[in-house]
Amino acid sequence: MVTFPTVEWIQQNSAINPSGFRHLKTVGFLKNLGTAANEHLNFGSINTTASGDISDTLLVYPRVLSYGEASGIFNMRFFLSGSTAFGAGTYRFLERKTLHFLPSFTLNSSANNTPTIVPTTANYSGTIQTPAWPLGTPWLSGLFDQDVGQYIYLAFEGHVDVPVGTYGGAGAGSYRYRLLYDFS
């Protein structure tokens, strides 16, 4: 039986630069993200009554906890699934992926949309990226700071037809961000 890689998601304080320490989960680390209690993203409240609103911007990134029997991870595709759980109204799920930390960065309406279907090609990389990725070189292949995924800044935008309320968190409009990848 094959032992698969274990990838964990980290929520990071967006005002504290963790560069150099991301593999240690110390500097600015908030929590691991997962499906257990208190492991969810909470975007806070939005007020859409006048012209719509954008949630708080949250910062996350993945790191490999264990490679199992693999030597590396390739072909990473990041997307959102289950967004219909948000209910009535018009939403945009915003994102910005960066190789470098942006202190206290806030997403606005010009941000990219997070795909809501599985991308057909890779749309996410590790932090060691060259203009032309060398064929056969893994995107993630170690357990140190340079072997994490790009920083991802996330938020959502609710238009005026979205009910006022809290989104994200246990039982408050559940949905899933997902990362698919190949490994060898």
N, C-alpha and C. Protein backbone atom coordinates (compact mmCIF):
# COMPACT_ATOMS: atom_id res chain seq x y z
N MET A 1 0.83 -1.18 0.00
CA MET A 1 0.00 0.00 0.00
C MET A 1 0.89 1.25 0.00
N VAL A 2 0.54 2.21 -0.83
CA VAL A 2 1.32 3.44 -0.98
C VAL A 2 1.02 4.40 0.17
N THR A 3 2.06 5.01 0.72
CA THR A 3 1.88 6.05 1.73
C THR A 3 1.91 7.40 1.02
N PHE A 4 0.79 8.11 1.03
CA PHE A 4 0.65 9.37 0.31
C PHE A 4 1.26 10.53 1.09
N PRO A 5 1.64 11.61 0.39
CA PRO A 5 2.12 12.80 1.08
C PRO A 5 1.00 13.41 1.95
N THR A 6 1.39 14.06 3.03
CA THR A 6 0.46 14.78 3.89
C THR A 6 0.76 16.27 3.75
N VAL A 7 -0.21 17.01 3.23
CA VAL A 7 -0.06 18.46 3.05
C VAL A 7 -0.94 19.14 4.08
N GLU A 8 -0.37 20.07 4.82
CA GLU A 8 -1.17 20.83 5.79
C GLU A 8 -1.28 22.28 5.33
N TRP A 9 -2.40 22.91 5.71
CA TRP A 9 -2.64 24.31 5.39
C TRP A 9 -2.45 25.13 6.65
N ILE A 10 -1.78 26.25 6.51
CA ILE A 10 -1.45 27.14 7.61
C ILE A 10 -2.17 28.47 7.41
N GLN A 11 -2.80 28.99 8.47
CA GLN A 11 -3.29 30.37 8.42
C GLN A 11 -2.26 31.22 9.15
N GLN A 12 -1.87 32.29 8.52
CA GLN A 12 -0.80 33.16 8.97
C GLN A 12 -1.33 34.55 9.28
N ASN A 13 -0.80 35.21 10.30
CA ASN A 13 -1.11 36.61 10.57
C ASN A 13 -0.60 37.43 9.39
N SER A 14 -1.46 38.19 8.76
CA SER A 14 -1.09 38.91 7.54
C SER A 14 -0.20 40.12 7.81
N ALA A 15 0.04 40.47 9.08
CA ALA A 15 0.91 41.61 9.40
C ALA A 15 2.32 41.18 9.79
N ILE A 16 2.55 39.87 9.96
CA ILE A 16 3.85 39.38 10.43
C ILE A 16 4.47 38.49 9.37
N ASN A 17 5.65 38.86 8.89
CA ASN A 17 6.33 38.13 7.84
C ASN A 17 6.93 36.83 8.39
N PRO A 18 6.46 35.67 7.91
CA PRO A 18 6.99 34.40 8.41
C PRO A 18 8.15 33.86 7.58
N SER A 19 8.57 34.60 6.55
CA SER A 19 9.61 34.11 5.65
C SER A 19 10.84 33.67 6.44
N GLY A 20 11.31 32.49 6.13
CA GLY A 20 12.43 31.88 6.83
C GLY A 20 12.00 30.96 7.96
N PHE A 21 10.72 31.05 8.37
CA PHE A 21 10.24 30.27 9.51
C PHE A 21 8.95 29.52 9.22
N ARG A 22 8.50 29.50 7.98
CA ARG A 22 7.21 28.88 7.66
C ARG A 22 7.16 27.40 8.00
N HIS A 23 8.28 26.71 7.91
CA HIS A 23 8.32 25.28 8.23
C HIS A 23 8.27 25.03 9.74
N LEU A 24 8.50 26.05 10.54
CA LEU A 24 8.49 25.90 12.00
C LEU A 24 7.16 26.26 12.64
N LYS A 25 6.32 26.98 11.90
CA LYS A 25 5.02 27.42 12.42
C LYS A 25 5.18 28.20 13.73
N THR A 26 6.05 29.21 13.71
CA THR A 26 6.25 30.01 14.92
C THR A 26 5.94 31.49 14.69
N VAL A 27 6.61 32.12 13.75
CA VAL A 27 6.50 33.56 13.54
C VAL A 27 5.20 33.90 12.82
N GLY A 28 4.22 34.46 13.54
CA GLY A 28 2.94 34.86 12.95
C GLY A 28 1.98 33.72 12.68
N PHE A 29 2.35 32.51 13.04
CA PHE A 29 1.47 31.35 12.83
C PHE A 29 0.18 31.53 13.64
N LEU A 30 -0.98 31.32 13.00
CA LEU A 30 -2.25 31.40 13.71
C LEU A 30 -2.80 30.01 14.02
N LYS A 31 -2.93 29.16 12.96
CA LYS A 31 -3.47 27.83 13.20
C LYS A 31 -3.35 26.98 11.96
N ASN A 32 -3.45 25.66 12.19
CA ASN A 32 -3.61 24.73 11.07
C ASN A 32 -5.05 24.79 10.62
N LEU A 33 -5.26 24.65 9.33
CA LEU A 33 -6.62 24.63 8.78
C LEU A 33 -6.99 23.21 8.42
N GLY A 34 -8.21 22.84 8.69
CA GLY A 34 -8.68 21.50 8.39
C GLY A 34 -10.17 21.40 8.60
N THR A 35 -10.64 20.20 8.84
CA THR A 35 -12.08 19.98 9.00
C THR A 35 -12.51 19.83 10.45
N ALA A 36 -11.57 19.88 11.37
CA ALA A 36 -11.91 19.75 12.80
C ALA A 36 -12.40 21.10 13.35
N ALA A 37 -12.96 21.07 14.55
CA ALA A 37 -13.44 22.29 15.20
C ALA A 37 -12.30 23.30 15.32
N ASN A 38 -12.62 24.55 15.08
CA ASN A 38 -11.67 25.67 15.17
C ASN A 38 -10.54 25.61 14.14
N GLU A 39 -10.66 24.81 13.10
CA GLU A 39 -9.65 24.77 12.04
C GLU A 39 -10.17 25.39 10.75
N HIS A 40 -11.11 26.30 10.85
CA HIS A 40 -11.72 26.89 9.66
C HIS A 40 -11.28 28.34 9.49
N LEU A 41 -11.45 28.86 8.28
CA LEU A 41 -11.24 30.27 8.01
C LEU A 41 -12.50 31.02 8.42
N ASN A 42 -12.35 32.15 9.05
CA ASN A 42 -13.50 32.97 9.41
C ASN A 42 -13.28 34.35 8.80
N PHE A 43 -14.05 34.67 7.78
CA PHE A 43 -13.91 35.92 7.07
C PHE A 43 -14.61 37.09 7.76
N GLY A 44 -15.29 36.84 8.85
CA GLY A 44 -15.95 37.92 9.59
C GLY A 44 -17.27 38.32 8.97
N SER A 45 -17.78 39.46 9.40
CA SER A 45 -19.08 39.96 8.92
C SER A 45 -18.89 40.90 7.74
N ILE A 46 -19.87 40.87 6.86
CA ILE A 46 -19.90 41.85 5.77
C ILE A 46 -21.24 42.57 5.82
N ASN A 47 -21.23 43.81 5.37
CA ASN A 47 -22.45 44.62 5.32
C ASN A 47 -22.69 45.00 3.87
N THR A 48 -23.68 44.38 3.26
CA THR A 48 -23.94 44.57 1.83
C THR A 48 -25.11 45.50 1.58
N THR A 49 -25.63 46.17 2.59
CA THR A 49 -26.87 46.93 2.42
C THR A 49 -26.75 48.09 1.45
N ALA A 50 -25.64 48.76 1.38
CA ALA A 50 -25.53 49.93 0.52
C ALA A 50 -24.98 49.58 -0.86
N SER A 51 -23.79 49.01 -0.91
CA SER A 51 -23.18 48.76 -2.21
C SER A 51 -22.40 47.45 -2.27
N GLY A 52 -22.64 46.57 -1.35
CA GLY A 52 -21.87 45.35 -1.29
C GLY A 52 -20.64 45.56 -0.42
N ASP A 53 -19.91 44.49 -0.17
CA ASP A 53 -18.77 44.59 0.72
C ASP A 53 -17.80 43.46 0.44
N ILE A 54 -16.55 43.66 0.83
CA ILE A 54 -15.52 42.63 0.72
C ILE A 54 -15.12 42.22 2.13
N SER A 55 -14.99 40.93 2.34
CA SER A 55 -14.64 40.40 3.67
C SER A 55 -13.21 40.78 4.05
N ASP A 56 -12.84 40.39 5.25
CA ASP A 56 -11.45 40.51 5.67
C ASP A 56 -10.60 39.67 4.73
N THR A 57 -9.34 40.09 4.52
CA THR A 57 -8.40 39.32 3.72
C THR A 57 -7.61 38.41 4.65
N LEU A 58 -7.58 37.12 4.34
CA LEU A 58 -6.87 36.15 5.15
C LEU A 58 -5.69 35.59 4.36
N LEU A 59 -4.65 35.21 5.07
CA LEU A 59 -3.42 34.70 4.45
C LEU A 59 -3.22 33.24 4.81
N VAL A 60 -3.01 32.40 3.78
CA VAL A 60 -2.79 30.98 3.98
C VAL A 60 -1.68 30.49 3.06
N TYR A 61 -1.11 29.34 3.39
CA TYR A 61 -0.19 28.65 2.49
C TYR A 61 -0.10 27.19 2.91
N PRO A 62 0.23 26.30 1.95
CA PRO A 62 0.39 24.89 2.30
C PRO A 62 1.86 24.55 2.51
N ARG A 63 2.09 23.53 3.31
CA ARG A 63 3.42 22.96 3.44
C ARG A 63 3.26 21.45 3.57
N VAL A 64 4.29 20.74 3.17
CA VAL A 64 4.24 19.29 3.25
C VAL A 64 4.74 18.86 4.62
N LEU A 65 3.90 18.14 5.33
CA LEU A 65 4.26 17.62 6.65
C LEU A 65 5.07 16.33 6.51
N SER A 66 4.67 15.51 5.52
CA SER A 66 5.36 14.25 5.27
C SER A 66 5.18 13.89 3.79
N TYR A 67 6.23 13.41 3.16
CA TYR A 67 6.14 12.99 1.77
C TYR A 67 5.71 11.54 1.62
N GLY A 68 5.62 10.81 2.72
CA GLY A 68 5.28 9.39 2.61
C GLY A 68 6.32 8.70 1.76
N GLU A 69 5.88 8.01 0.72
CA GLU A 69 6.79 7.32 -0.19
C GLU A 69 7.14 8.17 -1.41
N ALA A 70 6.66 9.40 -1.46
CA ALA A 70 6.93 10.27 -2.60
C ALA A 70 8.23 11.04 -2.41
N SER A 71 8.77 11.55 -3.50
CA SER A 71 9.96 12.39 -3.43
C SER A 71 9.65 13.84 -3.77
N GLY A 72 8.46 14.09 -4.31
CA GLY A 72 8.11 15.46 -4.66
C GLY A 72 6.66 15.59 -5.10
N ILE A 73 6.20 16.84 -5.13
CA ILE A 73 4.84 17.19 -5.55
C ILE A 73 4.91 18.07 -6.78
N PHE A 74 4.03 17.81 -7.75
CA PHE A 74 4.00 18.52 -9.03
C PHE A 74 2.57 18.96 -9.35
N ASN A 75 2.43 19.74 -10.41
CA ASN A 75 1.14 20.00 -11.06
C ASN A 75 0.05 20.40 -10.06
N MET A 76 0.31 21.44 -9.27
CA MET A 76 -0.65 21.85 -8.24
C MET A 76 -1.76 22.71 -8.84
N ARG A 77 -3.00 22.38 -8.46
CA ARG A 77 -4.17 23.10 -8.94
C ARG A 77 -5.03 23.49 -7.73
N PHE A 78 -5.20 24.79 -7.55
CA PHE A 78 -5.93 25.35 -6.41
C PHE A 78 -7.28 25.86 -6.90
N PHE A 79 -8.37 25.49 -6.17
CA PHE A 79 -9.70 25.91 -6.58
C PHE A 79 -10.65 25.85 -5.39
N LEU A 80 -11.86 26.34 -5.60
CA LEU A 80 -12.89 26.36 -4.57
C LEU A 80 -13.98 25.38 -4.97
N SER A 81 -14.41 24.56 -4.03
CA SER A 81 -15.53 23.66 -4.31
C SER A 81 -16.62 23.91 -3.28
N GLY A 82 -17.84 23.62 -3.65
CA GLY A 82 -18.96 23.77 -2.72
C GLY A 82 -19.36 25.20 -2.44
N SER A 83 -19.09 26.13 -3.32
CA SER A 83 -19.41 27.54 -3.06
C SER A 83 -20.92 27.79 -3.03
N THR A 84 -21.73 26.88 -3.54
CA THR A 84 -23.18 27.07 -3.50
C THR A 84 -23.71 27.05 -2.07
N ALA A 85 -22.91 26.55 -1.12
CA ALA A 85 -23.32 26.53 0.29
C ALA A 85 -23.48 27.93 0.86
N PHE A 86 -22.96 28.94 0.16
CA PHE A 86 -23.09 30.31 0.64
C PHE A 86 -24.53 30.80 0.55
N GLY A 87 -25.36 30.18 -0.27
CA GLY A 87 -26.77 30.56 -0.32
C GLY A 87 -27.07 31.65 -1.32
N ALA A 88 -28.12 32.40 -1.02
CA ALA A 88 -28.64 33.40 -1.95
C ALA A 88 -27.66 34.54 -2.16
N GLY A 89 -27.71 35.11 -3.36
CA GLY A 89 -26.91 36.30 -3.64
C GLY A 89 -25.78 36.06 -4.62
N THR A 90 -25.11 37.15 -4.96
CA THR A 90 -24.02 37.13 -5.92
C THR A 90 -22.70 37.30 -5.18
N TYR A 91 -21.79 36.36 -5.36
CA TYR A 91 -20.50 36.35 -4.68
C TYR A 91 -19.37 36.29 -5.69
N ARG A 92 -18.24 36.82 -5.29
CA ARG A 92 -16.97 36.59 -5.97
C ARG A 92 -16.00 36.12 -4.90
N PHE A 93 -15.26 35.07 -5.19
CA PHE A 93 -14.25 34.57 -4.26
C PHE A 93 -12.91 35.05 -4.79
N LEU A 94 -12.26 35.90 -4.01
CA LEU A 94 -11.08 36.64 -4.46
C LEU A 94 -9.80 35.96 -3.98
N GLU A 95 -8.74 36.13 -4.77
CA GLU A 95 -7.45 35.58 -4.38
C GLU A 95 -6.31 36.36 -5.01
N ARG A 96 -5.17 36.28 -4.37
CA ARG A 96 -3.92 36.73 -4.95
C ARG A 96 -2.84 35.80 -4.44
N LYS A 97 -2.09 35.21 -5.37
CA LYS A 97 -0.99 34.32 -5.03
C LYS A 97 0.31 35.08 -5.24
N THR A 98 1.21 35.00 -4.27
CA THR A 98 2.49 35.71 -4.40
C THR A 98 3.64 34.84 -3.90
N LEU A 99 4.82 35.07 -4.46
CA LEU A 99 6.02 34.40 -3.99
C LEU A 99 6.57 35.09 -2.75
N HIS A 100 6.27 36.38 -2.60
CA HIS A 100 6.82 37.16 -1.50
C HIS A 100 5.70 37.68 -0.60
N PHE A 101 5.99 37.79 0.68
CA PHE A 101 5.04 38.27 1.68
C PHE A 101 4.68 39.73 1.42
N LEU A 102 3.39 40.05 1.50
CA LEU A 102 2.89 41.42 1.37
C LEU A 102 2.26 41.80 2.71
N PRO A 103 2.91 42.64 3.52
CA PRO A 103 2.40 42.92 4.87
C PRO A 103 1.04 43.61 4.85
N SER A 104 0.11 43.09 5.65
CA SER A 104 -1.23 43.66 5.83
C SER A 104 -1.92 43.95 4.50
N PHE A 105 -1.73 43.08 3.54
CA PHE A 105 -2.31 43.24 2.21
C PHE A 105 -3.83 43.05 2.27
N THR A 106 -4.57 43.87 1.55
CA THR A 106 -6.02 43.78 1.50
C THR A 106 -6.48 43.62 0.05
N LEU A 107 -7.27 42.60 -0.21
CA LEU A 107 -7.82 42.39 -1.54
C LEU A 107 -8.94 43.39 -1.82
N ASN A 108 -9.09 43.78 -3.09
CA ASN A 108 -10.18 44.64 -3.49
C ASN A 108 -10.85 44.04 -4.73
N SER A 109 -11.78 44.76 -5.32
CA SER A 109 -12.57 44.23 -6.45
C SER A 109 -11.75 43.90 -7.68
N SER A 110 -10.52 44.39 -7.77
CA SER A 110 -9.70 44.09 -8.94
C SER A 110 -8.95 42.75 -8.81
N ALA A 111 -9.12 42.07 -7.68
CA ALA A 111 -8.43 40.79 -7.45
C ALA A 111 -8.93 39.71 -8.39
N ASN A 112 -8.10 38.69 -8.55
CA ASN A 112 -8.48 37.53 -9.36
C ASN A 112 -9.58 36.73 -8.68
N ASN A 113 -10.36 36.03 -9.48
CA ASN A 113 -11.36 35.11 -8.95
C ASN A 113 -10.71 33.75 -8.69
N THR A 114 -11.07 33.13 -7.59
CA THR A 114 -10.63 31.76 -7.33
C THR A 114 -11.47 30.84 -8.22
N PRO A 115 -10.83 29.94 -8.98
CA PRO A 115 -11.62 29.04 -9.82
C PRO A 115 -12.59 28.22 -8.97
N THR A 116 -13.77 27.96 -9.52
CA THR A 116 -14.78 27.15 -8.81
C THR A 116 -14.95 25.78 -9.45
N ILE A 117 -14.10 25.46 -10.41
CA ILE A 117 -14.01 24.11 -10.98
C ILE A 117 -12.53 23.74 -11.01
N VAL A 118 -12.24 22.46 -11.14
CA VAL A 118 -10.85 22.02 -11.16
C VAL A 118 -10.16 22.59 -12.39
N PRO A 119 -9.09 23.36 -12.21
CA PRO A 119 -8.35 23.89 -13.37
C PRO A 119 -7.76 22.75 -14.20
N THR A 120 -7.73 22.93 -15.50
CA THR A 120 -7.18 21.90 -16.39
C THR A 120 -5.66 21.92 -16.40
N THR A 121 -5.07 23.03 -16.01
CA THR A 121 -3.61 23.13 -15.92
C THR A 121 -3.23 23.68 -14.55
N ALA A 122 -1.98 23.54 -14.19
CA ALA A 122 -1.51 24.01 -12.90
C ALA A 122 -1.72 25.52 -12.77
N ASN A 123 -2.18 25.97 -11.60
CA ASN A 123 -2.39 27.40 -11.35
C ASN A 123 -1.75 27.84 -10.03
N TYR A 124 -0.86 27.01 -9.49
CA TYR A 124 -0.26 27.29 -8.20
C TYR A 124 1.12 26.66 -8.16
N SER A 125 2.07 27.30 -7.48
CA SER A 125 3.42 26.78 -7.47
C SER A 125 4.01 26.80 -6.07
N GLY A 126 5.20 26.22 -5.96
CA GLY A 126 5.99 26.35 -4.75
C GLY A 126 6.66 27.72 -4.76
N THR A 127 7.48 27.96 -3.76
CA THR A 127 8.13 29.27 -3.68
C THR A 127 9.42 29.34 -4.47
N ILE A 128 9.99 28.21 -4.83
CA ILE A 128 11.18 28.23 -5.68
C ILE A 128 10.69 28.05 -7.10
N GLN A 129 10.58 29.14 -7.82
CA GLN A 129 10.04 29.07 -9.18
C GLN A 129 10.96 29.84 -10.12
N THR A 130 11.25 29.24 -11.24
CA THR A 130 12.03 29.91 -12.27
C THR A 130 11.08 30.23 -13.42
N PRO A 131 11.47 31.14 -14.32
CA PRO A 131 10.56 31.46 -15.44
C PRO A 131 10.14 30.23 -16.24
N ALA A 132 11.05 29.29 -16.45
CA ALA A 132 10.70 28.05 -17.14
C ALA A 132 11.06 26.91 -16.19
N TRP A 133 10.07 26.32 -15.56
CA TRP A 133 10.32 25.29 -14.56
C TRP A 133 11.03 24.11 -15.21
N PRO A 134 12.17 23.68 -14.65
CA PRO A 134 12.91 22.57 -15.26
C PRO A 134 12.07 21.29 -15.29
N LEU A 135 11.97 20.69 -16.46
CA LEU A 135 11.19 19.48 -16.64
C LEU A 135 11.67 18.39 -15.67
N GLY A 136 10.74 17.79 -14.96
CA GLY A 136 11.07 16.72 -14.04
C GLY A 136 11.45 17.18 -12.64
N THR A 137 11.55 18.48 -12.42
CA THR A 137 11.89 19.00 -11.09
C THR A 137 10.62 19.18 -10.28
N PRO A 138 10.57 18.62 -9.07
CA PRO A 138 9.35 18.78 -8.26
C PRO A 138 9.15 20.22 -7.82
N TRP A 139 7.90 20.60 -7.62
CA TRP A 139 7.56 21.95 -7.18
C TRP A 139 7.74 22.08 -5.68
N LEU A 140 7.49 20.99 -4.96
CA LEU A 140 7.75 20.90 -3.53
C LEU A 140 8.48 19.59 -3.30
N SER A 141 9.64 19.65 -2.62
CA SER A 141 10.39 18.41 -2.44
C SER A 141 11.12 18.32 -1.10
N GLY A 142 10.89 19.25 -0.20
CA GLY A 142 11.55 19.22 1.10
C GLY A 142 10.60 19.64 2.20
N LEU A 143 11.14 19.76 3.40
CA LEU A 143 10.32 20.11 4.56
C LEU A 143 10.78 21.43 5.20
N PHE A 144 11.50 22.26 4.45
CA PHE A 144 12.04 23.50 5.00
C PHE A 144 11.28 24.71 4.46
N ASP A 145 11.67 25.90 4.89
CA ASP A 145 10.95 27.12 4.52
C ASP A 145 10.81 27.30 3.02
N GLN A 146 11.83 26.99 2.25
CA GLN A 146 11.74 27.18 0.80
C GLN A 146 10.85 26.14 0.13
N ASP A 147 10.38 25.16 0.88
CA ASP A 147 9.57 24.08 0.32
C ASP A 147 8.10 24.19 0.69
N VAL A 148 7.58 25.41 0.73
CA VAL A 148 6.16 25.63 0.97
C VAL A 148 5.54 26.18 -0.30
N GLY A 149 4.21 26.23 -0.34
CA GLY A 149 3.53 26.81 -1.49
C GLY A 149 3.56 28.33 -1.40
N GLN A 150 3.18 28.96 -2.49
CA GLN A 150 3.07 30.41 -2.53
C GLN A 150 2.14 30.91 -1.42
N TYR A 151 2.29 32.16 -1.06
CA TYR A 151 1.32 32.79 -0.17
C TYR A 151 0.02 32.97 -0.97
N ILE A 152 -1.12 32.70 -0.32
CA ILE A 152 -2.41 32.95 -0.96
C ILE A 152 -3.20 33.88 -0.04
N TYR A 153 -3.57 35.03 -0.58
CA TYR A 153 -4.44 35.98 0.12
C TYR A 153 -5.85 35.71 -0.38
N LEU A 154 -6.79 35.50 0.53
CA LEU A 154 -8.16 35.12 0.19
C LEU A 154 -9.17 36.08 0.81
N ALA A 155 -10.25 36.32 0.10
CA ALA A 155 -11.39 37.10 0.60
C ALA A 155 -12.58 36.75 -0.28
N PHE A 156 -13.74 37.25 0.10
CA PHE A 156 -14.88 37.12 -0.80
C PHE A 156 -15.63 38.45 -0.83
N GLU A 157 -16.28 38.67 -1.96
CA GLU A 157 -17.03 39.90 -2.18
C GLU A 157 -18.50 39.53 -2.30
N GLY A 158 -19.33 40.15 -1.49
CA GLY A 158 -20.76 39.95 -1.56
C GLY A 158 -21.42 41.20 -2.13
N HIS A 159 -22.30 41.02 -3.09
CA HIS A 159 -23.00 42.16 -3.70
C HIS A 159 -24.24 42.51 -2.88
N VAL A 160 -24.97 43.52 -3.29
CA VAL A 160 -26.10 44.03 -2.50
C VAL A 160 -27.21 42.99 -2.30
N ASP A 161 -27.25 41.96 -3.13
CA ASP A 161 -28.29 40.93 -2.98
C ASP A 161 -27.90 39.83 -1.98
N VAL A 162 -26.77 39.99 -1.29
CA VAL A 162 -26.31 39.02 -0.30
C VAL A 162 -26.79 39.45 1.08
N PRO A 163 -27.40 38.55 1.84
CA PRO A 163 -27.85 38.91 3.19
C PRO A 163 -26.68 39.29 4.10
N VAL A 164 -26.90 40.27 4.96
CA VAL A 164 -25.90 40.67 5.94
C VAL A 164 -25.65 39.49 6.87
N GLY A 165 -24.39 39.23 7.21
CA GLY A 165 -24.12 38.13 8.13
C GLY A 165 -22.66 37.78 8.20
N THR A 166 -22.37 36.69 8.90
CA THR A 166 -21.01 36.19 9.05
C THR A 166 -20.82 35.00 8.12
N TYR A 167 -19.70 35.00 7.42
CA TYR A 167 -19.42 33.95 6.44
C TYR A 167 -18.08 33.32 6.75
N GLY A 168 -18.04 32.00 6.67
CA GLY A 168 -16.85 31.26 7.06
C GLY A 168 -17.04 30.78 8.48
N GLY A 169 -16.35 29.74 8.83
CA GLY A 169 -16.49 29.21 10.17
C GLY A 169 -17.51 28.10 10.22
N ALA A 170 -17.50 27.39 11.31
CA ALA A 170 -18.36 26.22 11.46
C ALA A 170 -19.83 26.60 11.34
N GLY A 171 -20.53 26.01 10.39
CA GLY A 171 -21.97 26.21 10.24
C GLY A 171 -22.37 27.57 9.72
N ALA A 172 -21.42 28.36 9.20
CA ALA A 172 -21.74 29.72 8.73
C ALA A 172 -21.43 29.86 7.25
N GLY A 173 -22.04 29.03 6.43
CA GLY A 173 -21.80 29.11 4.99
C GLY A 173 -20.60 28.28 4.60
N SER A 174 -20.66 26.99 4.82
CA SER A 174 -19.49 26.15 4.59
C SER A 174 -19.18 25.98 3.11
N TYR A 175 -17.91 25.84 2.83
CA TYR A 175 -17.39 25.62 1.49
C TYR A 175 -15.96 25.11 1.67
N ARG A 176 -15.32 24.69 0.59
CA ARG A 176 -13.99 24.12 0.68
C ARG A 176 -13.07 24.71 -0.39
N TYR A 177 -11.88 25.12 0.04
CA TYR A 177 -10.78 25.37 -0.89
C TYR A 177 -10.06 24.04 -1.03
N ARG A 178 -9.58 23.74 -2.24
CA ARG A 178 -8.92 22.46 -2.45
C ARG A 178 -7.63 22.64 -3.24
N LEU A 179 -6.70 21.75 -2.98
CA LEU A 179 -5.44 21.70 -3.72
C LEU A 179 -5.27 20.27 -4.23
N LEU A 180 -5.30 20.11 -5.53
CA LEU A 180 -5.00 18.81 -6.15
C LEU A 180 -3.57 18.86 -6.65
N TYR A 181 -2.89 17.72 -6.59
CA TYR A 181 -1.50 17.69 -7.05
C TYR A 181 -1.14 16.26 -7.45
N ASP A 182 -0.07 16.15 -8.21
CA ASP A 182 0.50 14.86 -8.55
C ASP A 182 1.75 14.69 -7.70
N PHE A 183 2.13 13.46 -7.45
CA PHE A 183 3.37 13.21 -6.72
C PHE A 183 4.06 11.98 -7.28
N SER A 184 5.34 11.93 -7.03
CA SER A 184 6.11 10.75 -7.47
C SER A 184 7.21 10.48 -6.48
